[in-house]
Amino acid sequence: MAGVELRQLRYFVAVAEELNFGRAAARLLIAGPSLSQQIKALERDLGVRLFDRDRRSVSLTPAGADLLPHTRALLERADDLRGRARRLSGSQPVRLGYVNWLPADLTRRTAAVAQVHVDAWVAPSHTQAARVADGSLDLAVCWVRNEDLKRHGLRARLLGADRLYAVARSTDAGEPPAAAAVSVGDTDVLIDDDVTSWASWNVYAEELTRATGARAVRISDGAVTGPAFFDHVRRCRRPVLNSPKGQTTPLPSDLVRREVVAPKVYWTWSLVRRETEERAGVLGVVDALCAGVGADDLGIHAPDAWLPADDPYALPH
């Protein structure tokens, strides 16, 4: 059985359909004697006789009739596999940009539909959205508003969401890591003068302070995240809201994480593409990554959740 080849199985199907070696050979564009030899080799490898033949006629044996539908199904699967491999190998890679977060199982979920190349340039949300619009990227994981989508000619699908929390000074050396919750109105929110690097965060933060009563703290040192952020926390008298870029950063031992409530504050991650995008690989990646991602599962539509009014996934008021 190890010697059976797909071409021999195709020869078997052709002869079974024509019931004539001459016509089958012409259809397969091979010589009659060669076809006959290949069928005999197949019968030998399978250990059964497939055809009864004499000078006047060719007919399937019971074994041949039984194996024919299974052979056709096997050849169909082989053709499907070949076509899928051809589409993957011949397709252009899908260029994906991001800010600081990607799904952990991105490669596994997209491997069957496209070759995803994650762009090495990690840039702010507004920059990545603009790069999709100008064609530098095919897709980007970023934060966008409806206004951004309309201006750039983009479409967005919900991919994930971060619930933001506050960081505060520890008042007691024995205080547990999960300190008491704090109302968002009792927090400080850092807003940086560098609108090039922090444009998206500043827009988000300014709307949050207007809507919830949180206090805006203007800075000019890029300390919305990183070690300098912790220095600001130590100087501020109130808990300081973290940013999405600091979601997984370990806290220094003198600081604690505090849950933010009333309302719970969320930052959404969209997978954005051009409105005019038609390539199957790009659209396939969008479906592979976003299928099954729901606002309810992420908590962003809960009664006590907050999103900016122009967030693509905000419920109408």
C-alpha atoms as a PDB file:
ATOM      1  CA  MET A   1       0.000   0.000   0.000  1.00  0.00           C
ATOM      2  CA  ALA A   2       2.940   2.310   0.603  1.00  0.00           C
ATOM      3  CA  GLY A   3       3.618   2.513  -3.133  1.00  0.00           C
ATOM      4  CA  VAL A   4       0.176   3.854  -4.123  1.00  0.00           C
ATOM      5  CA  GLU A   5       0.368   7.257  -5.824  1.00  0.00           C
ATOM      6  CA  LEU A   6      -2.340   9.845  -6.418  1.00  0.00           C
ATOM      7  CA  ARG A   7      -1.784   9.669 -10.174  1.00  0.00           C
ATOM      8  CA  GLN A   8      -2.525   5.933 -10.097  1.00  0.00           C
ATOM      9  CA  LEU A   9      -5.778   6.631  -8.296  1.00  0.00           C
ATOM     10  CA  ARG A  10      -6.666   9.194 -10.967  1.00  0.00           C
ATOM     11  CA  TYR A  11      -5.948   6.562 -13.626  1.00  0.00           C
ATOM     12  CA  PHE A  12      -8.260   4.145 -11.802  1.00  0.00           C
ATOM     13  CA  VAL A  13     -11.105   6.688 -11.756  1.00  0.00           C
ATOM     14  CA  ALA A  14     -10.636   7.514 -15.445  1.00  0.00           C
ATOM     15  CA  VAL A  15     -10.762   3.872 -16.516  1.00  0.00           C
ATOM     16  CA  ALA A  16     -13.763   3.239 -14.235  1.00  0.00           C
ATOM     17  CA  GLU A  17     -15.634   6.125 -15.846  1.00  0.00           C
ATOM     18  CA  GLU A  18     -14.717   5.274 -19.436  1.00  0.00           C
ATOM     19  CA  LEU A  19     -14.704   1.466 -19.087  1.00  0.00           C
ATOM     20  CA  ASN A  20     -12.291   1.566 -21.996  1.00  0.00           C
ATOM     21  CA  PHE A  21      -8.518   1.735 -21.704  1.00  0.00           C
ATOM     22  CA  GLY A  22      -8.051   3.491 -25.028  1.00  0.00           C
ATOM     23  CA  ARG A  23     -10.475   6.316 -24.238  1.00  0.00           C
ATOM     24  CA  ALA A  24      -9.119   6.651 -20.694  1.00  0.00           C
ATOM     25  CA  ALA A  25      -5.538   6.853 -22.026  1.00  0.00           C
ATOM     26  CA  ALA A  26      -6.535   9.573 -24.501  1.00  0.00           C
ATOM     27  CA  ARG A  27      -8.297  11.502 -21.735  1.00  0.00           C
ATOM     28  CA  LEU A  28      -5.242  11.240 -19.489  1.00  0.00           C
ATOM     29  CA  LEU A  29      -2.831  12.060 -22.331  1.00  0.00           C
ATOM     30  CA  ILE A  30      -0.735   8.954 -21.736  1.00  0.00           C
ATOM     31  CA  ALA A  31      -0.013   5.857 -23.827  1.00  0.00           C
ATOM     32  CA  GLY A  32      -2.382   2.900 -23.567  1.00  0.00           C
ATOM     33  CA  PRO A  33       0.276   0.336 -22.535  1.00  0.00           C
ATOM     34  CA  SER A  34       1.556   2.692 -19.848  1.00  0.00           C
ATOM     35  CA  LEU A  35      -1.955   3.114 -18.432  1.00  0.00           C
ATOM     36  CA  SER A  36      -2.440  -0.646 -18.378  1.00  0.00           C
ATOM     37  CA  GLN A  37       0.838  -1.109 -16.527  1.00  0.00           C
ATOM     38  CA  GLN A  38      -0.071   1.529 -13.945  1.00  0.00           C
ATOM     39  CA  ILE A  39      -3.453  -0.089 -13.250  1.00  0.00           C
ATOM     40  CA  LYS A  40      -1.768  -3.471 -12.787  1.00  0.00           C
ATOM     41  CA  ALA A  41       0.722  -1.877 -10.396  1.00  0.00           C
ATOM     42  CA  LEU A  42      -2.135  -0.296  -8.440  1.00  0.00           C
ATOM     43  CA  GLU A  43      -3.960  -3.620  -8.214  1.00  0.00           C
ATOM     44  CA  ARG A  44      -0.779  -5.251  -6.994  1.00  0.00           C
ATOM     45  CA  ASP A  45      -0.219  -2.580  -4.322  1.00  0.00           C
ATOM     46  CA  LEU A  46      -3.839  -2.681  -3.153  1.00  0.00           C
ATOM     47  CA  GLY A  47      -3.975  -6.476  -3.213  1.00  0.00           C
ATOM     48  CA  VAL A  48      -7.267  -6.599  -5.125  1.00  0.00           C
ATOM     49  CA  ARG A  49      -8.359  -6.804  -8.755  1.00  0.00           C
ATOM     50  CA  LEU A  50     -10.141  -3.623  -9.826  1.00  0.00           C
ATOM     51  CA  PHE A  51     -11.267  -4.549 -13.347  1.00  0.00           C
ATOM     52  CA  ASP A  52     -12.411  -7.577 -15.270  1.00  0.00           C
ATOM     53  CA  ARG A  53     -11.161  -7.126 -18.814  1.00  0.00           C
ATOM     54  CA  ASP A  54     -10.915  -9.055 -22.035  1.00  0.00           C
ATOM     55  CA  ARG A  55     -10.509  -8.120 -25.675  1.00  0.00           C
ATOM     56  CA  ARG A  56     -14.090  -6.874 -25.954  1.00  0.00           C
ATOM     57  CA  SER A  57     -14.992  -5.202 -22.638  1.00  0.00           C
ATOM     58  CA  VAL A  58     -13.848  -3.711 -19.330  1.00  0.00           C
ATOM     59  CA  SER A  59     -15.937  -3.818 -16.174  1.00  0.00           C
ATOM     60  CA  LEU A  60     -15.436  -3.061 -12.514  1.00  0.00           C
ATOM     61  CA  THR A  61     -15.033  -5.950 -10.127  1.00  0.00           C
ATOM     62  CA  PRO A  62     -17.046  -5.823  -6.888  1.00  0.00           C
ATOM     63  CA  ALA A  63     -13.894  -4.620  -5.116  1.00  0.00           C
ATOM     64  CA  GLY A  64     -13.351  -1.923  -7.753  1.00  0.00           C
ATOM     65  CA  ALA A  65     -16.964  -0.747  -7.478  1.00  0.00           C
ATOM     66  CA  ASP A  66     -16.645  -0.581  -3.703  1.00  0.00           C
ATOM     67  CA  LEU A  67     -13.377   1.383  -3.780  1.00  0.00           C
ATOM     68  CA  LEU A  68     -14.403   3.857  -6.493  1.00  0.00           C
ATOM     69  CA  PRO A  69     -16.429   6.341  -4.347  1.00  0.00           C
ATOM     70  CA  HIS A  70     -13.757   6.300  -1.645  1.00  0.00           C
ATOM     71  CA  THR A  71     -11.096   7.009  -4.255  1.00  0.00           C
ATOM     72  CA  ARG A  72     -13.072   9.936  -5.654  1.00  0.00           C
ATOM     73  CA  ALA A  73     -13.475  11.386  -2.147  1.00  0.00           C
ATOM     74  CA  LEU A  74      -9.753  10.975  -1.464  1.00  0.00           C
ATOM     75  CA  LEU A  75      -8.852  12.764  -4.705  1.00  0.00           C
ATOM     76  CA  GLU A  76     -11.259  15.606  -3.894  1.00  0.00           C
ATOM     77  CA  ARG A  77      -9.595  16.096  -0.510  1.00  0.00           C
ATOM     78  CA  ALA A  78      -6.178  16.043  -2.156  1.00  0.00           C
ATOM     79  CA  ASP A  79      -7.309  18.705  -4.662  1.00  0.00           C
ATOM     80  CA  ASP A  80      -8.702  20.832  -1.862  1.00  0.00           C
ATOM     81  CA  LEU A  81      -5.439  20.546   0.066  1.00  0.00           C
ATOM     82  CA  ARG A  82      -3.426  21.479  -3.014  1.00  0.00           C
ATOM     83  CA  GLY A  83      -5.636  24.489  -3.709  1.00  0.00           C
ATOM     84  CA  ARG A  84      -5.442  25.720  -0.124  1.00  0.00           C
ATOM     85  CA  ALA A  85      -1.654  25.398  -0.108  1.00  0.00           C
ATOM     86  CA  ARG A  86      -1.428  27.219  -3.439  1.00  0.00           C
ATOM     87  CA  ARG A  87      -3.530  30.097  -2.125  1.00  0.00           C
ATOM     88  CA  LEU A  88      -1.381  30.384   0.981  1.00  0.00           C
ATOM     89  CA  SER A  89       1.955  30.158  -0.757  1.00  0.00           C
ATOM     90  CA  GLY A  90       0.974  32.539  -3.517  1.00  0.00           C
ATOM     91  CA  SER A  91      -0.788  35.153  -1.410  1.00  0.00           C
ATOM     92  CA  GLN A  92       0.756  38.437  -0.383  1.00  0.00           C
ATOM     93  CA  PRO A  93       1.542  38.611   3.346  1.00  0.00           C
ATOM     94  CA  VAL A  94      -0.914  40.518   5.510  1.00  0.00           C
ATOM     95  CA  ARG A  95       0.886  43.361   7.310  1.00  0.00           C
ATOM     96  CA  LEU A  96      -0.430  43.903  10.826  1.00  0.00           C
ATOM     97  CA  GLY A  97       0.502  46.825  13.057  1.00  0.00           C
ATOM     98  CA  TYR A  98      -0.197  47.288  16.751  1.00  0.00           C
ATOM     99  CA  VAL A  99       0.298  49.616  19.692  1.00  0.00           C
ATOM    100  CA  ASN A 100       1.183  47.376  22.622  1.00  0.00           C
ATOM    101  CA  TRP A 101      -1.360  44.545  22.687  1.00  0.00           C
ATOM    102  CA  LEU A 102      -2.025  41.577  20.415  1.00  0.00           C
ATOM    103  CA  PRO A 103      -4.103  38.424  20.987  1.00  0.00           C
ATOM    104  CA  ALA A 104      -1.856  35.774  22.498  1.00  0.00           C
ATOM    105  CA  ASP A 105      -3.040  33.133  20.010  1.00  0.00           C
ATOM    106  CA  LEU A 106      -2.813  35.331  16.905  1.00  0.00           C
ATOM    107  CA  THR A 107      -0.590  32.942  14.926  1.00  0.00           C
ATOM    108  CA  ARG A 108      -2.700  29.883  15.652  1.00  0.00           C
ATOM    109  CA  ARG A 109      -5.932  31.619  14.680  1.00  0.00           C
ATOM    110  CA  THR A 110      -4.650  33.094  11.429  1.00  0.00           C
ATOM    111  CA  ALA A 111      -2.284  30.401  10.103  1.00  0.00           C
ATOM    112  CA  ALA A 112      -4.954  28.753   7.969  1.00  0.00           C
ATOM    113  CA  VAL A 113      -6.038  31.926   6.154  1.00  0.00           C
ATOM    114  CA  ALA A 114      -2.956  34.080   5.530  1.00  0.00           C
ATOM    115  CA  GLN A 115       0.688  34.785   6.255  1.00  0.00           C
ATOM    116  CA  VAL A 116       0.478  37.471   8.932  1.00  0.00           C
ATOM    117  CA  HIS A 117       3.584  39.618   9.317  1.00  0.00           C
ATOM    118  CA  VAL A 118       3.500  41.678  12.506  1.00  0.00           C
ATOM    119  CA  ASP A 119       5.076  45.055  11.777  1.00  0.00           C
ATOM    120  CA  ALA A 120       8.077  45.849  13.965  1.00  0.00           C
ATOM    121  CA  TRP A 121       7.219  49.558  14.268  1.00  0.00           C
ATOM    122  CA  VAL A 122       5.154  49.842  17.445  1.00  0.00           C
ATOM    123  CA  ALA A 123       3.378  53.197  17.179  1.00  0.00           C
ATOM    124  CA  PRO A 124       0.465  55.059  18.833  1.00  0.00           C
ATOM    125  CA  SER A 125      -3.111  54.284  17.834  1.00  0.00           C
ATOM    126  CA  HIS A 126      -3.634  57.347  15.657  1.00  0.00           C
ATOM    127  CA  THR A 127      -0.424  56.602  13.758  1.00  0.00           C
ATOM    128  CA  GLN A 128      -1.318  52.969  13.124  1.00  0.00           C
ATOM    129  CA  ALA A 129      -4.799  53.893  11.902  1.00  0.00           C
ATOM    130  CA  ALA A 130      -3.284  56.425   9.483  1.00  0.00           C
ATOM    131  CA  ARG A 131      -0.831  53.801   8.215  1.00  0.00           C
ATOM    132  CA  VAL A 132      -3.696  51.463   7.365  1.00  0.00           C
ATOM    133  CA  ALA A 133      -5.400  54.312   5.514  1.00  0.00           C
ATOM    134  CA  ASP A 134      -2.318  55.128   3.413  1.00  0.00           C
ATOM    135  CA  GLY A 135      -1.573  51.470   2.633  1.00  0.00           C
ATOM    136  CA  SER A 136       1.547  51.076   4.765  1.00  0.00           C
ATOM    137  CA  LEU A 137      -0.332  48.422   6.752  1.00  0.00           C
ATOM    138  CA  ASP A 138      -3.205  46.116   5.866  1.00  0.00           C
ATOM    139  CA  LEU A 139      -4.573  45.884   9.407  1.00  0.00           C
ATOM    140  CA  ALA A 140      -3.872  47.458  12.777  1.00  0.00           C
ATOM    141  CA  VAL A 141      -4.876  46.781  16.359  1.00  0.00           C
ATOM    142  CA  CYS A 142      -5.548  50.211  17.835  1.00  0.00           C
ATOM    143  CA  TRP A 143      -8.033  52.493  19.586  1.00  0.00           C
ATOM    144  CA  VAL A 144     -10.229  54.505  17.238  1.00  0.00           C
ATOM    145  CA  ARG A 145     -13.331  56.664  17.284  1.00  0.00           C
ATOM    146  CA  ASN A 146     -16.105  56.766  14.709  1.00  0.00           C
ATOM    147  CA  GLU A 147     -14.677  60.136  13.685  1.00  0.00           C
ATOM    148  CA  ASP A 148     -11.321  58.503  12.884  1.00  0.00           C
ATOM    149  CA  LEU A 149     -12.946  55.736  10.870  1.00  0.00           C
ATOM    150  CA  LYS A 150     -14.912  58.212   8.773  1.00  0.00           C
ATOM    151  CA  ARG A 151     -11.956  60.548   8.204  1.00  0.00           C
ATOM    152  CA  HIS A 152      -9.597  57.757   7.118  1.00  0.00           C
ATOM    153  CA  GLY A 153     -12.087  55.563   5.253  1.00  0.00           C
ATOM    154  CA  LEU A 154     -11.676  52.636   7.638  1.00  0.00           C
ATOM    155  CA  ARG A 155     -13.819  49.922   9.153  1.00  0.00           C
ATOM    156  CA  ALA A 156     -13.365  48.431  12.621  1.00  0.00           C
ATOM    157  CA  ARG A 157     -14.181  45.177  14.379  1.00  0.00           C
ATOM    158  CA  LEU A 158     -14.029  44.727  18.128  1.00  0.00           C
ATOM    159  CA  LEU A 159     -11.007  42.632  19.105  1.00  0.00           C
ATOM    160  CA  GLY A 160     -10.536  43.229  22.831  1.00  0.00           C
ATOM    161  CA  ALA A 161     -10.883  45.613  25.743  1.00  0.00           C
ATOM    162  CA  ASP A 162      -8.834  46.634  28.768  1.00  0.00           C
ATOM    163  CA  ARG A 163     -10.463  47.659  32.002  1.00  0.00           C
ATOM    164  CA  LEU A 164      -8.340  50.452  33.436  1.00  0.00           C
ATOM    165  CA  TYR A 165      -7.402  50.666  37.093  1.00  0.00           C
ATOM    166  CA  ALA A 166      -5.729  53.191  39.383  1.00  0.00           C
ATOM    167  CA  VAL A 167      -2.321  53.113  41.023  1.00  0.00           C
ATOM    168  CA  ALA A 168      -1.831  54.632  44.481  1.00  0.00           C
ATOM    169  CA  ARG A 169       0.725  54.886  47.263  1.00  0.00           C
ATOM    170  CA  SER A 170       0.503  52.134  49.816  1.00  0.00           C
ATOM    171  CA  THR A 171      -0.585  53.548  53.169  1.00  0.00           C
ATOM    172  CA  ASP A 172       0.245  50.391  55.063  1.00  0.00           C
ATOM    173  CA  ALA A 173       3.149  48.026  54.546  1.00  0.00           C
ATOM    174  CA  GLY A 174       0.753  45.161  55.193  1.00  0.00           C
ATOM    175  CA  GLU A 175      -1.868  46.324  52.700  1.00  0.00           C
ATOM    176  CA  PRO A 176      -2.885  43.525  50.292  1.00  0.00           C
ATOM    177  CA  PRO A 177      -2.119  43.870  46.549  1.00  0.00           C
ATOM    178  CA  ALA A 178      -5.788  44.440  45.722  1.00  0.00           C
ATOM    179  CA  ALA A 179      -6.535  47.596  47.692  1.00  0.00           C
ATOM    180  CA  ALA A 180      -9.984  49.104  48.161  1.00  0.00           C
ATOM    181  CA  ALA A 181     -11.864  50.274  45.071  1.00  0.00           C
ATOM    182  CA  VAL A 182     -11.894  53.960  44.198  1.00  0.00           C
ATOM    183  CA  SER A 183     -14.484  56.002  42.314  1.00  0.00           C
ATOM    184  CA  VAL A 184     -13.174  57.305  39.005  1.00  0.00           C
ATOM    185  CA  GLY A 185     -14.171  60.802  40.100  1.00  0.00           C
ATOM    186  CA  ASP A 186     -11.602  60.560  42.893  1.00  0.00           C
ATOM    187  CA  THR A 187      -8.694  59.773  40.559  1.00  0.00           C
ATOM    188  CA  ASP A 188      -6.130  61.848  38.696  1.00  0.00           C
ATOM    189  CA  VAL A 189      -5.638  61.353  34.960  1.00  0.00           C
ATOM    190  CA  LEU A 190      -2.325  62.310  33.331  1.00  0.00           C
ATOM    191  CA  ILE A 191      -2.539  64.247  30.062  1.00  0.00           C
ATOM    192  CA  ASP A 192       0.722  64.857  28.220  1.00  0.00           C
ATOM    193  CA  ASP A 193       1.682  67.954  26.214  1.00  0.00           C
ATOM    194  CA  ASP A 194       3.239  65.702  23.540  1.00  0.00           C
ATOM    195  CA  VAL A 195       0.286  65.361  21.182  1.00  0.00           C
ATOM    196  CA  THR A 196       2.396  63.447  18.671  1.00  0.00           C
ATOM    197  CA  SER A 197       2.986  60.487  20.952  1.00  0.00           C
ATOM    198  CA  TRP A 198      -0.119  60.697  23.120  1.00  0.00           C
ATOM    199  CA  ALA A 199      -2.826  62.062  20.817  1.00  0.00           C
ATOM    200  CA  SER A 200      -5.239  59.130  21.245  1.00  0.00           C
ATOM    201  CA  TRP A 201      -4.724  58.867  24.989  1.00  0.00           C
ATOM    202  CA  ASN A 202      -5.165  62.618  25.467  1.00  0.00           C
ATOM    203  CA  VAL A 203      -8.466  62.623  23.553  1.00  0.00           C
ATOM    204  CA  TYR A 204      -9.682  59.686  25.619  1.00  0.00           C
ATOM    205  CA  ALA A 205      -8.445  61.129  28.929  1.00  0.00           C
ATOM    206  CA  GLU A 206      -9.910  64.581  28.358  1.00  0.00           C
ATOM    207  CA  GLU A 207     -13.345  63.143  27.612  1.00  0.00           C
ATOM    208  CA  LEU A 208     -13.091  60.904  30.668  1.00  0.00           C
ATOM    209  CA  THR A 209     -12.342  63.836  32.969  1.00  0.00           C
ATOM    210  CA  ARG A 210     -15.235  65.864  31.557  1.00  0.00           C
ATOM    211  CA  ALA A 211     -17.683  62.980  31.827  1.00  0.00           C
ATOM    212  CA  THR A 212     -16.755  61.585  35.238  1.00  0.00           C
ATOM    213  CA  GLY A 213     -15.230  64.385  37.288  1.00  0.00           C
ATOM    214  CA  ALA A 214     -11.789  62.814  37.368  1.00  0.00           C
ATOM    215  CA  ARG A 215      -9.082  65.464  37.672  1.00  0.00           C
ATOM    216  CA  ALA A 216      -6.813  66.178  34.702  1.00  0.00           C
ATOM    217  CA  VAL A 217      -3.120  66.559  35.571  1.00  0.00           C
ATOM    218  CA  ARG A 218      -1.058  68.157  32.798  1.00  0.00           C
ATOM    219  CA  ILE A 219       2.448  66.769  32.323  1.00  0.00           C
ATOM    220  CA  SER A 220       5.176  67.251  29.749  1.00  0.00           C
ATOM    221  CA  ASP A 221       7.562  64.368  30.369  1.00  0.00           C
ATOM    222  CA  GLY A 222       5.845  61.462  28.598  1.00  0.00           C
ATOM    223  CA  ALA A 223       5.110  59.811  31.940  1.00  0.00           C
ATOM    224  CA  VAL A 224       1.707  58.419  31.002  1.00  0.00           C
ATOM    225  CA  THR A 225       3.441  55.055  31.336  1.00  0.00           C
ATOM    226  CA  GLY A 226       6.795  53.635  32.402  1.00  0.00           C
ATOM    227  CA  PRO A 227       8.920  54.291  35.518  1.00  0.00           C
ATOM    228  CA  ALA A 228       8.229  58.044  35.394  1.00  0.00           C
ATOM    229  CA  PHE A 229       4.502  57.256  35.752  1.00  0.00           C
ATOM    230  CA  PHE A 230       5.212  55.733  39.149  1.00  0.00           C
ATOM    231  CA  ASP A 231       7.070  58.887  40.183  1.00  0.00           C
ATOM    232  CA  HIS A 232       3.937  60.910  39.380  1.00  0.00           C
ATOM    233  CA  VAL A 233       1.847  58.496  41.445  1.00  0.00           C
ATOM    234  CA  ARG A 234       4.153  59.071  44.400  1.00  0.00           C
ATOM    235  CA  ARG A 235       3.774  62.841  44.035  1.00  0.00           C
ATOM    236  CA  CYS A 236      -0.006  62.872  43.560  1.00  0.00           C
ATOM    237  CA  ARG A 237      -2.292  62.919  46.567  1.00  0.00           C
ATOM    238  CA  ARG A 238      -4.954  60.862  44.769  1.00  0.00           C
ATOM    239  CA  PRO A 239      -4.855  57.524  42.933  1.00  0.00           C
ATOM    240  CA  VAL A 240      -3.754  57.907  39.299  1.00  0.00           C
ATOM    241  CA  LEU A 241      -5.519  56.151  36.444  1.00  0.00           C
ATOM    242  CA  ASN A 242      -3.260  53.842  34.503  1.00  0.00           C
ATOM    243  CA  SER A 243      -3.114  53.740  30.697  1.00  0.00           C
ATOM    244  CA  PRO A 244      -3.559  50.715  28.407  1.00  0.00           C
ATOM    245  CA  LYS A 245       0.202  50.669  27.838  1.00  0.00           C
ATOM    246  CA  GLY A 246       0.714  49.998  31.527  1.00  0.00           C
ATOM    247  CA  GLN A 247      -1.803  47.204  31.959  1.00  0.00           C
ATOM    248  CA  THR A 248       0.692  44.428  32.652  1.00  0.00           C
ATOM    249  CA  THR A 249       3.597  46.419  34.086  1.00  0.00           C
ATOM    250  CA  PRO A 250       4.590  45.109  37.551  1.00  0.00           C
ATOM    251  CA  LEU A 251       4.114  47.662  40.324  1.00  0.00           C
ATOM    252  CA  PRO A 252       6.915  48.799  42.621  1.00  0.00           C
ATOM    253  CA  SER A 253       6.563  47.483  46.156  1.00  0.00           C
ATOM    254  CA  ASP A 254       5.505  50.874  47.543  1.00  0.00           C
ATOM    255  CA  LEU A 255       2.500  51.201  45.207  1.00  0.00           C
ATOM    256  CA  VAL A 256      -0.789  49.321  45.002  1.00  0.00           C
ATOM    257  CA  ARG A 257      -3.386  48.697  42.351  1.00  0.00           C
ATOM    258  CA  ARG A 258      -6.908  49.930  43.049  1.00  0.00           C
ATOM    259  CA  GLU A 259     -10.034  48.919  41.186  1.00  0.00           C
ATOM    260  CA  VAL A 260     -11.856  51.834  39.537  1.00  0.00           C
ATOM    261  CA  VAL A 261     -15.656  51.882  39.854  1.00  0.00           C
ATOM    262  CA  ALA A 262     -18.640  54.188  39.453  1.00  0.00           C
ATOM    263  CA  PRO A 263     -18.208  53.760  36.523  1.00  0.00           C
ATOM    264  CA  LYS A 264     -15.825  51.000  35.410  1.00  0.00           C
ATOM    265  CA  VAL A 265     -13.550  52.473  32.762  1.00  0.00           C
ATOM    266  CA  TYR A 266     -12.782  50.575  29.542  1.00  0.00           C
ATOM    267  CA  TRP A 267     -10.431  51.074  26.618  1.00  0.00           C
ATOM    268  CA  THR A 268     -11.352  49.161  23.476  1.00  0.00           C
ATOM    269  CA  TRP A 269      -9.059  47.579  20.899  1.00  0.00           C
ATOM    270  CA  SER A 270     -10.249  47.537  17.301  1.00  0.00           C
ATOM    271  CA  LEU A 271      -8.916  45.636  14.323  1.00  0.00           C
ATOM    272  CA  VAL A 272      -9.120  48.225  11.538  1.00  0.00           C
ATOM    273  CA  ARG A 273      -8.958  47.812   7.759  1.00  0.00           C
ATOM    274  CA  ARG A 274      -9.663  49.974   4.733  1.00  0.00           C
ATOM    275  CA  GLU A 275     -13.293  50.251   3.645  1.00  0.00           C
ATOM    276  CA  THR A 276     -12.241  49.297   0.123  1.00  0.00           C
ATOM    277  CA  GLU A 277     -10.302  46.186   1.191  1.00  0.00           C
ATOM    278  CA  GLU A 278     -11.361  43.145  -0.859  1.00  0.00           C
ATOM    279  CA  ARG A 279      -8.439  40.726  -0.536  1.00  0.00           C
ATOM    280  CA  ALA A 280      -9.530  37.382   0.836  1.00  0.00           C
ATOM    281  CA  GLY A 281      -6.431  37.026   3.021  1.00  0.00           C
ATOM    282  CA  VAL A 282      -6.985  40.331   4.831  1.00  0.00           C
ATOM    283  CA  LEU A 283     -10.706  39.742   5.322  1.00  0.00           C
ATOM    284  CA  GLY A 284      -9.984  36.195   6.443  1.00  0.00           C
ATOM    285  CA  VAL A 285      -7.619  37.431   9.152  1.00  0.00           C
ATOM    286  CA  VAL A 286     -10.272  39.858  10.395  1.00  0.00           C
ATOM    287  CA  ASP A 287     -12.839  37.074  10.666  1.00  0.00           C
ATOM    288  CA  ALA A 288     -10.352  34.648  12.236  1.00  0.00           C
ATOM    289  CA  LEU A 289      -9.376  37.123  14.967  1.00  0.00           C
ATOM    290  CA  CYS A 290     -12.715  38.799  15.653  1.00  0.00           C
ATOM    291  CA  ALA A 291     -15.153  35.897  15.361  1.00  0.00           C
ATOM    292  CA  GLY A 292     -16.730  35.236  18.730  1.00  0.00           C
ATOM    293  CA  VAL A 293     -15.509  38.488  20.313  1.00  0.00           C
ATOM    294  CA  GLY A 294     -18.546  40.093  21.930  1.00  0.00           C
ATOM    295  CA  ALA A 295     -19.104  43.339  23.802  1.00  0.00           C
ATOM    296  CA  ASP A 296     -21.113  41.531  26.457  1.00  0.00           C
ATOM    297  CA  ASP A 297     -18.310  39.066  27.140  1.00  0.00           C
ATOM    298  CA  LEU A 298     -15.824  41.912  27.532  1.00  0.00           C
ATOM    299  CA  GLY A 299     -18.080  43.829  29.905  1.00  0.00           C
ATOM    300  CA  ILE A 300     -18.149  47.069  27.925  1.00  0.00           C
ATOM    301  CA  HIS A 301     -21.946  47.141  27.678  1.00  0.00           C
ATOM    302  CA  ALA A 302     -22.551  46.606  31.387  1.00  0.00           C
ATOM    303  CA  PRO A 303     -24.716  49.297  33.038  1.00  0.00           C
ATOM    304  CA  ASP A 304     -21.755  50.519  35.091  1.00  0.00           C
ATOM    305  CA  ALA A 305     -19.251  50.586  32.202  1.00  0.00           C
ATOM    306  CA  TRP A 306     -17.869  53.748  30.586  1.00  0.00           C
ATOM    307  CA  LEU A 307     -16.712  54.256  27.014  1.00  0.00           C
ATOM    308  CA  PRO A 308     -16.155  57.522  25.134  1.00  0.00           C
ATOM    309  CA  ALA A 309     -19.298  58.650  23.350  1.00  0.00           C
ATOM    310  CA  ASP A 310     -17.696  58.266  19.913  1.00  0.00           C
ATOM    311  CA  ASP A 311     -16.260  54.820  20.603  1.00  0.00           C
ATOM    312  CA  PRO A 312     -17.465  52.458  17.820  1.00  0.00           C
ATOM    313  CA  TYR A 313     -18.878  50.088  20.436  1.00  0.00           C
ATOM    314  CA  ALA A 314     -20.523  52.597  22.773  1.00  0.00           C
ATOM    315  CA  LEU A 315     -24.260  52.121  23.206  1.00  0.00           C
ATOM    316  CA  PRO A 316     -26.374  55.078  22.047  1.00  0.00           C
ATOM    317  CA  HIS A 317     -27.646  57.257  24.854  1.00  0.00           C
END
